[in-house]
């Protein structure tokens, strides 16, 4: 996995951002390939901004964590992104939507379907 662990906090910048579609591309010297990022993994600057649409701008400095996963044509996907200047991104912080620690999945859902006879 290129010597990068999922707990490693990487520094880089935004190569491009598609605001209309809510995703973009991050680059870092720590990885040989570009990193796909979705707006939902961007950490809000203020607690009151937690639920809204967030965007980045091309050239903006960021810190982020990644996982190796196929996403469109990218081999890496950002798990958490924080614009630089908002304090350090700590690997021990819970993942967004988790609330139970970094060793649990960031998001989960279930669906129960009951049919009337």
PDB file of N, CA and C in Angstrom:
ATOM      1  N   UNK A   1       0.832  -1.197   0.000  1.00  0.00           N
ATOM      2  CA  UNK A   1       0.000   0.000   0.000  1.00  0.00           C
ATOM      3  C   UNK A   1       0.864   1.244   0.000  1.00  0.00           C
ATOM      4  N   UNK A   2       1.965   1.244  -0.680  1.00  0.00           N
ATOM      5  CA  UNK A   2       2.856   2.398  -0.823  1.00  0.00           C
ATOM      6  C   UNK A   2       3.394   2.908   0.505  1.00  0.00           C
ATOM      7  N   UNK A   3       3.419   2.080   1.545  1.00  0.00           N
ATOM      8  CA  UNK A   3       3.946   2.501   2.828  1.00  0.00           C
ATOM      9  C   UNK A   3       3.060   3.478   3.572  1.00  0.00           C
ATOM     10  N   UNK A   4       1.840   3.714   3.112  1.00  0.00           N
ATOM     11  CA  UNK A   4       0.919   4.635   3.759  1.00  0.00           C
ATOM     12  C   UNK A   4      -0.132   3.827   4.496  1.00  0.00           C
ATOM     13  N   UNK A   5      -0.304   4.134   5.768  1.00  0.00           N
ATOM     14  CA  UNK A   5      -1.286   3.479   6.613  1.00  0.00           C
ATOM     15  C   UNK A   5      -2.569   4.298   6.629  1.00  0.00           C
ATOM     16  N   UNK A   6      -3.713   3.676   6.905  1.00  0.00           N
ATOM     17  CA  UNK A   6      -4.977   4.417   6.939  1.00  0.00           C
ATOM     18  C   UNK A   6      -5.022   5.427   8.082  1.00  0.00           C
ATOM     19  N   UNK A   7      -4.140   5.281   9.079  1.00  0.00           N
ATOM     20  CA  UNK A   7      -4.084   6.250  10.179  1.00  0.00           C
ATOM     21  C   UNK A   7      -3.133   7.410   9.889  1.00  0.00           C
ATOM     22  N   UNK A   8      -2.354   7.314   8.822  1.00  0.00           N
ATOM     23  CA  UNK A   8      -1.397   8.371   8.494  1.00  0.00           C
ATOM     24  C   UNK A   8      -2.124   9.636   8.051  1.00  0.00           C
ATOM     25  N   UNK A   9      -1.722  10.760   8.604  1.00  0.00           N
ATOM     26  CA  UNK A   9      -2.268  12.055   8.199  1.00  0.00           C
ATOM     27  C   UNK A   9      -1.321  12.638   7.152  1.00  0.00           C
ATOM     28  N   UNK A  10      -1.842  12.878   5.959  1.00  0.00           N
ATOM     29  CA  UNK A  10      -1.045  13.365   4.840  1.00  0.00           C
ATOM     30  C   UNK A  10      -1.301  14.846   4.608  1.00  0.00           C
ATOM     31  N   UNK A  11      -0.296  15.539   4.122  1.00  0.00           N
ATOM     32  CA  UNK A  11      -0.436  16.945   3.743  1.00  0.00           C
ATOM     33  C   UNK A  11      -0.374  17.037   2.231  1.00  0.00           C
ATOM     34  N   UNK A  12      -1.187  17.914   1.682  1.00  0.00           N
ATOM     35  CA  UNK A  12      -1.187  18.096   0.244  1.00  0.00           C
ATOM     36  C   UNK A  12      -2.012  19.309  -0.133  1.00  0.00           C
ATOM     37  N   UNK A  13      -2.517  19.292  -1.348  1.00  0.00           N
ATOM     38  CA  UNK A  13      -3.370  20.392  -1.795  1.00  0.00           C
ATOM     39  C   UNK A  13      -4.419  19.872  -2.779  1.00  0.00           C
ATOM     40  N   UNK A  14      -5.394  20.715  -3.044  1.00  0.00           N
ATOM     41  CA  UNK A  14      -6.480  20.381  -3.958  1.00  0.00           C
ATOM     42  C   UNK A  14      -6.009  20.667  -5.378  1.00  0.00           C
ATOM     43  N   UNK A  15      -6.005  19.652  -6.226  1.00  0.00           N
ATOM     44  CA  UNK A  15      -5.625  19.855  -7.620  1.00  0.00           C
ATOM     45  C   UNK A  15      -6.795  20.429  -8.409  1.00  0.00           C
ATOM     46  N   UNK A  16      -7.990  19.887  -8.162  1.00  0.00           N
ATOM     47  CA  UNK A  16      -9.200  20.398  -8.817  1.00  0.00           C
ATOM     48  C   UNK A  16     -10.400  20.088  -7.939  1.00  0.00           C
ATOM     49  N   UNK A  17     -11.454  20.905  -8.061  1.00  0.00           N
ATOM     50  CA  UNK A  17     -12.679  20.685  -7.295  1.00  0.00           C
ATOM     51  C   UNK A  17     -13.877  20.968  -8.173  1.00  0.00           C
ATOM     52  N   UNK A  18     -14.814  20.024  -8.240  1.00  0.00           N
ATOM     53  CA  UNK A  18     -16.037  20.134  -9.026  1.00  0.00           C
ATOM     54  C   UNK A  18     -17.196  20.438  -8.081  1.00  0.00           C
ATOM     55  N   UNK A  19     -17.465  21.711  -7.838  1.00  0.00           N
ATOM     56  CA  UNK A  19     -18.494  22.102  -6.881  1.00  0.00           C
ATOM     57  C   UNK A  19     -19.873  21.588  -7.267  1.00  0.00           C
ATOM     58  N   UNK A  20     -20.179  21.583  -8.562  1.00  0.00           N
ATOM     59  CA  UNK A  20     -21.500  21.134  -9.004  1.00  0.00           C
ATOM     60  C   UNK A  20     -21.747  19.672  -8.676  1.00  0.00           C
ATOM     61  N   UNK A  21     -20.679  18.878  -8.718  1.00  0.00           N
ATOM     62  CA  UNK A  21     -20.812  17.446  -8.457  1.00  0.00           C
ATOM     63  C   UNK A  21     -20.401  17.053  -7.048  1.00  0.00           C
ATOM     64  N   UNK A  22     -19.731  17.947  -6.317  1.00  0.00           N
ATOM     65  CA  UNK A  22     -19.372  17.677  -4.933  1.00  0.00           C
ATOM     66  C   UNK A  22     -18.174  16.769  -4.726  1.00  0.00           C
ATOM     67  N   UNK A  23     -17.232  16.775  -5.649  1.00  0.00           N
ATOM     68  CA  UNK A  23     -16.033  15.959  -5.476  1.00  0.00           C
ATOM     69  C   UNK A  23     -14.843  16.652  -6.120  1.00  0.00           C
ATOM     70  N   UNK A  24     -13.660  16.159  -5.740  1.00  0.00           N
ATOM     71  CA  UNK A  24     -12.450  16.734  -6.298  1.00  0.00           C
ATOM     72  C   UNK A  24     -11.273  15.796  -6.174  1.00  0.00           C
ATOM     73  N   UNK A  25     -10.112  16.323  -6.520  1.00  0.00           N
ATOM     74  CA  UNK A  25      -8.886  15.535  -6.547  1.00  0.00           C
ATOM     75  C   UNK A  25      -7.842  16.203  -5.667  1.00  0.00           C
ATOM     76  N   UNK A  26      -7.253  15.413  -4.765  1.00  0.00           N
ATOM     77  CA  UNK A  26      -6.189  15.881  -3.879  1.00  0.00           C
ATOM     78  C   UNK A  26      -4.875  15.264  -4.332  1.00  0.00           C
ATOM     79  N   UNK A  27      -3.779  15.968  -4.085  1.00  0.00           N
ATOM     80  CA  UNK A  27      -2.447  15.434  -4.382  1.00  0.00           C
ATOM     81  C   UNK A  27      -1.555  15.604  -3.164  1.00  0.00           C
ATOM     82  N   UNK A  28      -0.645  14.668  -3.010  1.00  0.00           N
ATOM     83  CA  UNK A  28       0.329  14.702  -1.922  1.00  0.00           C
ATOM     84  C   UNK A  28       1.605  14.030  -2.403  1.00  0.00           C
ATOM     85  N   UNK A  29       2.769  14.508  -1.951  1.00  0.00           N
ATOM     86  CA  UNK A  29       4.010  13.830  -2.320  1.00  0.00           C
ATOM     87  C   UNK A  29       4.148  12.450  -1.664  1.00  0.00           C
ATOM     88  N   UNK A  30       3.293  12.143  -0.688  1.00  0.00           N
ATOM     89  CA  UNK A  30       3.364  10.863   0.021  1.00  0.00           C
ATOM     90  C   UNK A  30       2.804   9.692  -0.784  1.00  0.00           C
ATOM     91  N   UNK A  31       2.027   9.976  -1.841  1.00  0.00           N
ATOM     92  CA  UNK A  31       1.423   8.930  -2.660  1.00  0.00           C
ATOM     93  C   UNK A  31       1.797   9.123  -4.123  1.00  0.00           C
ATOM     94  N   UNK A  32       1.942   8.031  -4.855  1.00  0.00           N
ATOM     95  CA  UNK A  32       2.280   8.157  -6.266  1.00  0.00           C
ATOM     96  C   UNK A  32       1.089   8.550  -7.138  1.00  0.00           C
ATOM     97  N   UNK A  33      -0.127   8.399  -6.610  1.00  0.00           N
ATOM     98  CA  UNK A  33      -1.340   8.661  -7.385  1.00  0.00           C
ATOM     99  C   UNK A  33      -2.187   9.750  -6.731  1.00  0.00           C
ATOM    100  N   UNK A  34      -3.116  10.294  -7.523  1.00  0.00           N
ATOM    101  CA  UNK A  34      -4.054  11.291  -7.011  1.00  0.00           C
ATOM    102  C   UNK A  34      -5.079  10.631  -6.099  1.00  0.00           C
ATOM    103  N   UNK A  35      -5.760  11.446  -5.287  1.00  0.00           N
ATOM    104  CA  UNK A  35      -6.723  10.966  -4.301  1.00  0.00           C
ATOM    105  C   UNK A  35      -8.088  11.584  -4.596  1.00  0.00           C
ATOM    106  N   UNK A  36      -9.125  10.755  -4.711  1.00  0.00           N
ATOM    107  CA  UNK A  36     -10.497  11.207  -4.922  1.00  0.00           C
ATOM    108  C   UNK A  36     -11.079  11.632  -3.578  1.00  0.00           C
ATOM    109  N   UNK A  37     -11.813  12.746  -3.557  1.00  0.00           N
ATOM    110  CA  UNK A  37     -12.425  13.225  -2.307  1.00  0.00           C
ATOM    111  C   UNK A  37     -13.861  13.669  -2.566  1.00  0.00           C
ATOM    112  N   UNK A  38     -14.757  13.336  -1.655  1.00  0.00           N
ATOM    113  CA  UNK A  38     -16.168  13.727  -1.717  1.00  0.00           C
ATOM    114  C   UNK A  38     -16.416  14.823  -0.685  1.00  0.00           C
ATOM    115  N   UNK A  39     -17.358  15.715  -0.974  1.00  0.00           N
ATOM    116  CA  UNK A  39     -17.620  16.830  -0.059  1.00  0.00           C
ATOM    117  C   UNK A  39     -18.002  16.360   1.337  1.00  0.00           C
ATOM    118  N   UNK A  40     -18.600  15.183   1.469  1.00  0.00           N
ATOM    119  CA  UNK A  40     -19.073  14.709   2.775  1.00  0.00           C
ATOM    120  C   UNK A  40     -17.942  14.364   3.742  1.00  0.00           C
ATOM    121  N   UNK A  41     -16.702  14.210   3.250  1.00  0.00           N
ATOM    122  CA  UNK A  41     -15.590  13.885   4.143  1.00  0.00           C
ATOM    123  C   UNK A  41     -14.806  15.123   4.567  1.00  0.00           C
ATOM    124  N   UNK A  42     -15.222  16.303   4.099  1.00  0.00           N
ATOM    125  CA  UNK A  42     -14.564  17.548   4.502  1.00  0.00           C
ATOM    126  C   UNK A  42     -15.069  17.924   5.880  1.00  0.00           C
ATOM    127  N   UNK A  43     -14.169  18.108   6.820  1.00  0.00           N
ATOM    128  CA  UNK A  43     -14.561  18.474   8.173  1.00  0.00           C
ATOM    129  C   UNK A  43     -14.870  19.960   8.224  1.00  0.00           C
ATOM    130  N   UNK A  44     -16.017  20.286   8.817  1.00  0.00           N
ATOM    131  CA  UNK A  44     -16.474  21.667   8.907  1.00  0.00           C
ATOM    132  C   UNK A  44     -15.598  22.463   9.869  1.00  0.00           C
ATOM    133  N   UNK A  45     -15.453  23.754   9.581  1.00  0.00           N
ATOM    134  CA  UNK A  45     -14.645  24.635  10.426  1.00  0.00           C
ATOM    135  C   UNK A  45     -15.308  24.876  11.768  1.00  0.00           C
ATOM    136  N   UNK A  46     -16.597  24.998  11.778  1.00  0.00           N
ATOM    137  CA  UNK A  46     -17.355  25.278  13.000  1.00  0.00           C
ATOM    138  C   UNK A  46     -18.360  24.166  13.234  1.00  0.00           C
ATOM    139  N   UNK A  47     -18.687  23.922  14.498  1.00  0.00           N
ATOM    140  CA  UNK A  47     -19.639  22.861  14.839  1.00  0.00           C
ATOM    141  C   UNK A  47     -20.992  23.087  14.169  1.00  0.00           C
ATOM    142  N   UNK A  48     -21.421  24.313  13.992  1.00  0.00           N
ATOM    143  CA  UNK A  48     -22.710  24.609  13.388  1.00  0.00           C
ATOM    144  C   UNK A  48     -22.763  24.321  11.907  1.00  0.00           C
ATOM    145  N   UNK A  49     -21.618  24.072  11.262  1.00  0.00           N
ATOM    146  CA  UNK A  49     -21.571  23.804   9.836  1.00  0.00           C
ATOM    147  C   UNK A  49     -21.574  22.304   9.532  1.00  0.00           C
ATOM    148  N   UNK A  50     -21.772  21.482  10.521  1.00  0.00           N
ATOM    149  CA  UNK A  50     -21.562  20.052  10.364  1.00  0.00           C
ATOM    150  C   UNK A  50     -22.429  19.399   9.298  1.00  0.00           C
ATOM    151  N   UNK A  51     -23.642  19.856   9.041  1.00  0.00           N
ATOM    152  CA  UNK A  51     -24.515  19.131   8.129  1.00  0.00           C
ATOM    153  C   UNK A  51     -24.577  19.652   6.721  1.00  0.00           C
ATOM    154  N   UNK A  52     -23.999  20.786   6.395  1.00  0.00           N
ATOM    155  CA  UNK A  52     -24.192  21.399   5.092  1.00  0.00           C
ATOM    156  C   UNK A  52     -23.186  20.979   4.039  1.00  0.00           C
ATOM    157  N   UNK A  53     -23.401  21.484   2.832  1.00  0.00           N
ATOM    158  CA  UNK A  53     -22.507  21.228   1.719  1.00  0.00           C
ATOM    159  C   UNK A  53     -21.202  21.970   1.958  1.00  0.00           C
ATOM    160  N   UNK A  54     -20.095  21.281   1.767  1.00  0.00           N
ATOM    161  CA  UNK A  54     -18.779  21.889   1.935  1.00  0.00           C
ATOM    162  C   UNK A  54     -18.008  21.733   0.638  1.00  0.00           C
ATOM    163  N   UNK A  55     -17.144  22.683   0.367  1.00  0.00           N
ATOM    164  CA  UNK A  55     -16.370  22.640  -0.874  1.00  0.00           C
ATOM    165  C   UNK A  55     -14.943  23.084  -0.601  1.00  0.00           C
ATOM    166  N   UNK A  56     -14.054  22.717  -1.504  1.00  0.00           N
ATOM    167  CA  UNK A  56     -12.666  23.134  -1.462  1.00  0.00           C
ATOM    168  C   UNK A  56     -12.386  23.914  -2.738  1.00  0.00           C
ATOM    169  N   UNK A  57     -11.230  24.563  -2.802  1.00  0.00           N
ATOM    170  CA  UNK A  57     -10.854  25.292  -4.003  1.00  0.00           C
ATOM    171  C   UNK A  57      -9.500  24.797  -4.501  1.00  0.00           C
ATOM    172  N   UNK A  58      -9.319  24.843  -5.799  1.00  0.00           N
ATOM    173  CA  UNK A  58      -8.054  24.396  -6.393  1.00  0.00           C
ATOM    174  C   UNK A  58      -6.898  25.182  -5.789  1.00  0.00           C
ATOM    175  N   UNK A  59      -5.849  24.487  -5.422  1.00  0.00           N
ATOM    176  CA  UNK A  59      -4.671  25.098  -4.826  1.00  0.00           C
ATOM    177  C   UNK A  59      -4.718  25.181  -3.309  1.00  0.00           C
ATOM    178  N   UNK A  60      -5.878  24.924  -2.704  1.00  0.00           N
ATOM    179  CA  UNK A  60      -6.024  25.020  -1.249  1.00  0.00           C
ATOM    180  C   UNK A  60      -5.222  23.913  -0.564  1.00  0.00           C
ATOM    181  N   UNK A  61      -4.497  24.269   0.497  1.00  0.00           N
ATOM    182  CA  UNK A  61      -3.731  23.303   1.284  1.00  0.00           C
ATOM    183  C   UNK A  61      -4.677  22.525   2.195  1.00  0.00           C
ATOM    184  N   UNK A  62      -4.464  21.215   2.293  1.00  0.00           N
ATOM    185  CA  UNK A  62      -5.311  20.353   3.108  1.00  0.00           C
ATOM    186  C   UNK A  62      -4.470  19.294   3.808  1.00  0.00           C
ATOM    187  N   UNK A  63      -5.028  18.735   4.887  1.00  0.00           N
ATOM    188  CA  UNK A  63      -4.505  17.516   5.493  1.00  0.00           C
ATOM    189  C   UNK A  63      -5.618  16.486   5.372  1.00  0.00           C
ATOM    190  N   UNK A  64      -5.236  15.219   5.220  1.00  0.00           N
ATOM    191  CA  UNK A  64      -6.272  14.210   5.004  1.00  0.00           C
ATOM    192  C   UNK A  64      -5.753  12.811   5.309  1.00  0.00           C
ATOM    193  N   UNK A  65      -6.687  11.887   5.481  1.00  0.00           N
ATOM    194  CA  UNK A  65      -6.379  10.467   5.602  1.00  0.00           C
ATOM    195  C   UNK A  65      -6.995   9.774   4.395  1.00  0.00           C
ATOM    196  N   UNK A  66      -6.440   8.614   4.037  1.00  0.00           N
ATOM    197  CA  UNK A  66      -6.890   7.915   2.835  1.00  0.00           C
ATOM    198  C   UNK A  66      -7.127   6.438   3.104  1.00  0.00           C
ATOM    199  N   UNK A  67      -7.831   5.830   2.165  1.00  0.00           N
ATOM    200  CA  UNK A  67      -7.932   4.381   2.108  1.00  0.00           C
ATOM    201  C   UNK A  67      -7.701   3.978   0.663  1.00  0.00           C
ATOM    202  N   UNK A  68      -7.157   2.786   0.479  1.00  0.00           N
ATOM    203  CA  UNK A  68      -6.944   2.314  -0.876  1.00  0.00           C
ATOM    204  C   UNK A  68      -8.249   1.702  -1.346  1.00  0.00           C
ATOM    205  N   UNK A  69      -8.823   2.288  -2.395  1.00  0.00           N
ATOM    206  CA  UNK A  69     -10.117   1.846  -2.910  1.00  0.00           C
ATOM    207  C   UNK A  69     -10.274   2.350  -4.332  1.00  0.00           C
ATOM    208  N   UNK A  70     -10.946   1.583  -5.150  1.00  0.00           N
ATOM    209  CA  UNK A  70     -11.226   2.014  -6.518  1.00  0.00           C
ATOM    210  C   UNK A  70     -12.411   2.974  -6.496  1.00  0.00           C
ATOM    211  N   UNK A  71     -12.203   4.177  -6.941  1.00  0.00           N
ATOM    212  CA  UNK A  71     -13.260   5.186  -7.019  1.00  0.00           C
ATOM    213  C   UNK A  71     -13.095   5.888  -8.352  1.00  0.00           C
ATOM    214  N   UNK A  72     -14.014   5.653  -9.272  1.00  0.00           N
ATOM    215  CA  UNK A  72     -13.886   6.151 -10.636  1.00  0.00           C
ATOM    216  C   UNK A  72     -12.538   5.661 -11.180  1.00  0.00           C
ATOM    217  N   UNK A  73     -11.659   6.522 -11.599  1.00  0.00           N
ATOM    218  CA  UNK A  73     -10.359   6.072 -12.122  1.00  0.00           C
ATOM    219  C   UNK A  73      -9.246   6.195 -11.087  1.00  0.00           C
ATOM    220  N   UNK A  74      -9.583   6.448  -9.835  1.00  0.00           N
ATOM    221  CA  UNK A  74      -8.600   6.683  -8.775  1.00  0.00           C
ATOM    222  C   UNK A  74      -8.405   5.445  -7.912  1.00  0.00           C
ATOM    223  N   UNK A  75      -7.166   5.232  -7.460  1.00  0.00           N
ATOM    224  CA  UNK A  75      -6.849   4.098  -6.588  1.00  0.00           C
ATOM    225  C   UNK A  75      -6.926   4.461  -5.110  1.00  0.00           C
ATOM    226  N   UNK A  76      -7.015   5.747  -4.796  1.00  0.00           N
ATOM    227  CA  UNK A  76      -7.065   6.211  -3.406  1.00  0.00           C
ATOM    228  C   UNK A  76      -8.297   7.079  -3.209  1.00  0.00           C
ATOM    229  N   UNK A  77      -8.911   6.959  -2.032  1.00  0.00           N
ATOM    230  CA  UNK A  77     -10.078   7.761  -1.678  1.00  0.00           C
ATOM    231  C   UNK A  77      -9.824   8.407  -0.318  1.00  0.00           C
ATOM    232  N   UNK A  78     -10.121   9.697  -0.223  1.00  0.00           N
ATOM    233  CA  UNK A  78      -9.974  10.407   1.052  1.00  0.00           C
ATOM    234  C   UNK A  78     -11.055   9.934   2.020  1.00  0.00           C
ATOM    235  N   UNK A  79     -10.662   9.728   3.272  1.00  0.00           N
ATOM    236  CA  UNK A  79     -11.593   9.317   4.318  1.00  0.00           C
ATOM    237  C   UNK A  79     -11.998  10.530   5.158  1.00  0.00           C
ATOM    238  N   UNK A  80     -11.034  11.412   5.417  1.00  0.00           N
ATOM    239  CA  UNK A  80     -11.278  12.653   6.165  1.00  0.00           C
ATOM    240  C   UNK A  80     -10.393  13.730   5.565  1.00  0.00           C
ATOM    241  N   UNK A  81     -10.948  14.926   5.401  1.00  0.00           N
ATOM    242  CA  UNK A  81     -10.186  16.053   4.843  1.00  0.00           C
ATOM    243  C   UNK A  81     -10.421  17.264   5.723  1.00  0.00           C
ATOM    244  N   UNK A  82      -9.352  17.963   6.036  1.00  0.00           N
ATOM    245  CA  UNK A  82      -9.461  19.212   6.798  1.00  0.00           C
ATOM    246  C   UNK A  82      -8.616  20.273   6.093  1.00  0.00           C
ATOM    247  N   UNK A  83      -9.249  21.394   5.736  1.00  0.00           N
ATOM    248  CA  UNK A  83      -8.460  22.496   5.173  1.00  0.00           C
ATOM    249  C   UNK A  83      -7.385  22.927   6.161  1.00  0.00           C
ATOM    250  N   UNK A  84      -6.191  23.226   5.665  1.00  0.00           N
ATOM    251  CA  UNK A  84      -5.107  23.688   6.531  1.00  0.00           C
ATOM    252  C   UNK A  84      -5.517  24.990   7.199  1.00  0.00           C
ATOM    253  N   UNK A  85      -5.041  25.191   8.421  1.00  0.00           N
ATOM    254  CA  UNK A  85      -5.390  26.387   9.175  1.00  0.00           C
ATOM    255  C   UNK A  85      -6.537  26.158  10.142  1.00  0.00           C
ATOM    256  N   UNK A  86      -7.117  24.955  10.136  1.00  0.00           N
ATOM    257  CA  UNK A  86      -8.212  24.638  11.063  1.00  0.00           C
ATOM    258  C   UNK A  86      -7.745  23.710  12.176  1.00  0.00           C
ATOM    259  N   UNK A  87      -6.458  23.669  12.411  1.00  0.00           N
ATOM    260  CA  UNK A  87      -5.924  22.794  13.438  1.00  0.00           C
ATOM    261  C   UNK A  87      -5.555  21.448  12.839  1.00  0.00           C
ATOM    262  N   UNK A  88      -4.787  20.669  13.584  1.00  0.00           N
ATOM    263  CA  UNK A  88      -4.319  19.391  13.043  1.00  0.00           C
ATOM    264  C   UNK A  88      -5.433  18.355  12.942  1.00  0.00           C
ATOM    265  N   UNK A  89      -5.299  17.482  11.986  1.00  0.00           N
ATOM    266  CA  UNK A  89      -6.200  16.348  11.829  1.00  0.00           C
ATOM    267  C   UNK A  89      -5.579  15.200  12.597  1.00  0.00           C
ATOM    268  N   UNK A  90      -6.198  14.799  13.670  1.00  0.00           N
ATOM    269  CA  UNK A  90      -5.657  13.753  14.529  1.00  0.00           C
ATOM    270  C   UNK A  90      -6.188  12.394  14.094  1.00  0.00           C
ATOM    271  N   UNK A  91      -5.323  11.400  13.915  1.00  0.00           N
ATOM    272  CA  UNK A  91      -5.791  10.083  13.491  1.00  0.00           C
ATOM    273  C   UNK A  91      -6.666   9.402  14.526  1.00  0.00           C
ATOM    274  N   UNK A  92      -6.574   9.798  15.791  1.00  0.00           N
ATOM    275  CA  UNK A  92      -7.365   9.147  16.835  1.00  0.00           C
ATOM    276  C   UNK A  92      -8.771   9.728  16.963  1.00  0.00           C
ATOM    277  N   UNK A  93      -9.060  10.828  16.260  1.00  0.00           N
ATOM    278  CA  UNK A  93     -10.400  11.397  16.320  1.00  0.00           C
ATOM    279  C   UNK A  93     -11.384  10.440  15.657  1.00  0.00           C
ATOM    280  N   UNK A  94     -12.640  10.368  16.145  1.00  0.00           N
ATOM    281  CA  UNK A  94     -13.612   9.482  15.504  1.00  0.00           C
ATOM    282  C   UNK A  94     -13.884   9.916  14.068  1.00  0.00           C
ATOM    283  N   UNK A  95     -14.235   8.949  13.252  1.00  0.00           N
ATOM    284  CA  UNK A  95     -14.607   9.254  11.883  1.00  0.00           C
ATOM    285  C   UNK A  95     -15.934   9.994  11.867  1.00  0.00           C
ATOM    286  N   UNK A  96     -16.200  10.794  10.825  1.00  0.00           N
ATOM    287  CA  UNK A  96     -17.474  11.505  10.750  1.00  0.00           C
ATOM    288  C   UNK A  96     -18.638  10.526  10.799  1.00  0.00           C
ATOM    289  N   UNK A  97     -19.651  10.850  11.598  1.00  0.00           N
ATOM    290  CA  UNK A  97     -20.836  10.019  11.686  1.00  0.00           C
ATOM    291  C   UNK A  97     -20.681   8.806  12.564  1.00  0.00           C
ATOM    292  N   UNK A  98     -19.522   8.605  13.172  1.00  0.00           N
ATOM    293  CA  UNK A  98     -19.267   7.393  13.931  1.00  0.00           C
ATOM    294  C   UNK A  98     -19.653   7.556  15.394  1.00  0.00           C
ATOM    295  N   UNK A  99     -18.952   8.460  16.095  1.00  0.00           N
ATOM    296  CA  UNK A  99     -19.245   8.689  17.498  1.00  0.00           C
ATOM    297  C   UNK A  99     -18.760   7.592  18.418  1.00  0.00           C
ATOM    298  N   UNK A 100     -18.136   6.528  17.875  1.00  0.00           N
ATOM    299  CA  UNK A 100     -17.707   5.432  18.727  1.00  0.00           C
ATOM    300  C   UNK A 100     -16.226   5.147  18.637  1.00  0.00           C
ATOM    301  N   UNK A 101     -15.441   5.989  17.996  1.00  0.00           N
ATOM    302  CA  UNK A 101     -14.003   5.767  17.923  1.00  0.00           C
ATOM    303  C   UNK A 101     -13.561   5.371  16.537  1.00  0.00           C
ATOM    304  N   UNK A 102     -12.268   5.522  16.302  1.00  0.00           N
ATOM    305  CA  UNK A 102     -11.714   5.304  14.970  1.00  0.00           C
ATOM    306  C   UNK A 102     -11.657   3.829  14.570  1.00  0.00           C
ATOM    307  N   UNK A 103     -11.859   2.889  15.523  1.00  0.00           N
ATOM    308  CA  UNK A 103     -11.790   1.484  15.155  1.00  0.00           C
ATOM    309  C   UNK A 103     -13.123   0.955  14.636  1.00  0.00           C
ATOM    310  N   UNK A 104     -14.154   1.778  14.584  1.00  0.00           N
ATOM    311  CA  UNK A 104     -15.467   1.403  14.075  1.00  0.00           C
ATOM    312  C   UNK A 104     -15.645   1.988  12.672  1.00  0.00           C
ATOM    313  N   UNK A 105     -16.549   1.420  11.865  1.00  0.00           N
ATOM    314  CA  UNK A 105     -16.771   2.002  10.537  1.00  0.00           C
ATOM    315  C   UNK A 105     -17.318   3.414  10.641  1.00  0.00           C
ATOM    316  N   UNK A 106     -16.946   4.274   9.697  1.00  0.00           N
ATOM    317  CA  UNK A 106     -17.379   5.662   9.705  1.00  0.00           C
ATOM    318  C   UNK A 106     -18.856   5.812   9.486  1.00  0.00           C
ATOM    319  N   UNK A 107     -19.416   4.995   8.638  1.00  0.00           N
ATOM    320  CA  UNK A 107     -20.840   5.076   8.333  1.00  0.00           C
ATOM    321  C   UNK A 107     -21.401   3.671   8.279  1.00  0.00           C
ATOM    322  N   UNK A 108     -22.612   3.544   8.716  1.00  0.00           N
ATOM    323  CA  UNK A 108     -23.282   2.266   8.575  1.00  0.00           C
ATOM    324  C   UNK A 108     -24.779   2.530   8.438  1.00  0.00           C
ATOM    325  N   UNK A 109     -25.455   1.578   7.856  1.00  0.00           N
ATOM    326  CA  UNK A 109     -26.902   1.703   7.722  1.00  0.00           C
ATOM    327  C   UNK A 109     -27.488   0.309   7.688  1.00  0.00           C
ATOM    328  N   UNK A 110     -28.767   0.243   7.929  1.00  0.00           N
ATOM    329  CA  UNK A 110     -29.454  -1.039   7.829  1.00  0.00           C
ATOM    330  C   UNK A 110     -30.855  -0.775   7.306  1.00  0.00           C
ATOM    331  N   UNK A 111     -31.462  -1.812   6.803  1.00  0.00           N
ATOM    332  CA  UNK A 111     -32.803  -1.698   6.254  1.00  0.00           C
ATOM    333  C   UNK A 111     -33.563  -2.948   6.621  1.00  0.00           C
ATOM    334  N   UNK A 112     -34.683  -2.775   7.282  1.00  0.00           N
ATOM    335  CA  UNK A 112     -35.573  -3.893   7.600  1.00  0.00           C
ATOM    336  C   UNK A 112     -36.844  -3.703   6.796  1.00  0.00           C
ATOM    337  N   UNK A 113     -37.235  -4.750   6.073  1.00  0.00           N
ATOM    338  CA  UNK A 113     -38.447  -4.688   5.266  1.00  0.00           C
ATOM    339  C   UNK A 113     -39.414  -5.728   5.790  1.00  0.00           C
ATOM    340  N   UNK A 114     -40.611  -5.288   6.079  1.00  0.00           N
ATOM    341  CA  UNK A 114     -41.653  -6.178   6.545  1.00  0.00           C
ATOM    342  C   UNK A 114     -42.815  -6.109   5.564  1.00  0.00           C
ATOM    343  N   UNK A 115     -43.252  -7.250   5.076  1.00  0.00           N
ATOM    344  CA  UNK A 115     -44.363  -7.294   4.134  1.00  0.00           C
ATOM    345  C   UNK A 115     -45.621  -7.728   4.862  1.00  0.00           C
ATOM    346  N   UNK A 116     -46.716  -7.062   4.575  1.00  0.00           N
ATOM    347  CA  UNK A 116     -47.999  -7.484   5.111  1.00  0.00           C
ATOM    348  C   UNK A 116     -48.494  -8.671   4.299  1.00  0.00           C
ATOM    349  N   UNK A 117     -49.053  -9.658   4.998  1.00  0.00           N
ATOM    350  CA  UNK A 117     -49.538 -10.849   4.305  1.00  0.00           C
ATOM    351  C   UNK A 117     -50.891 -10.638   3.694  1.00  0.00           C
TER     352      UNK A 117
END
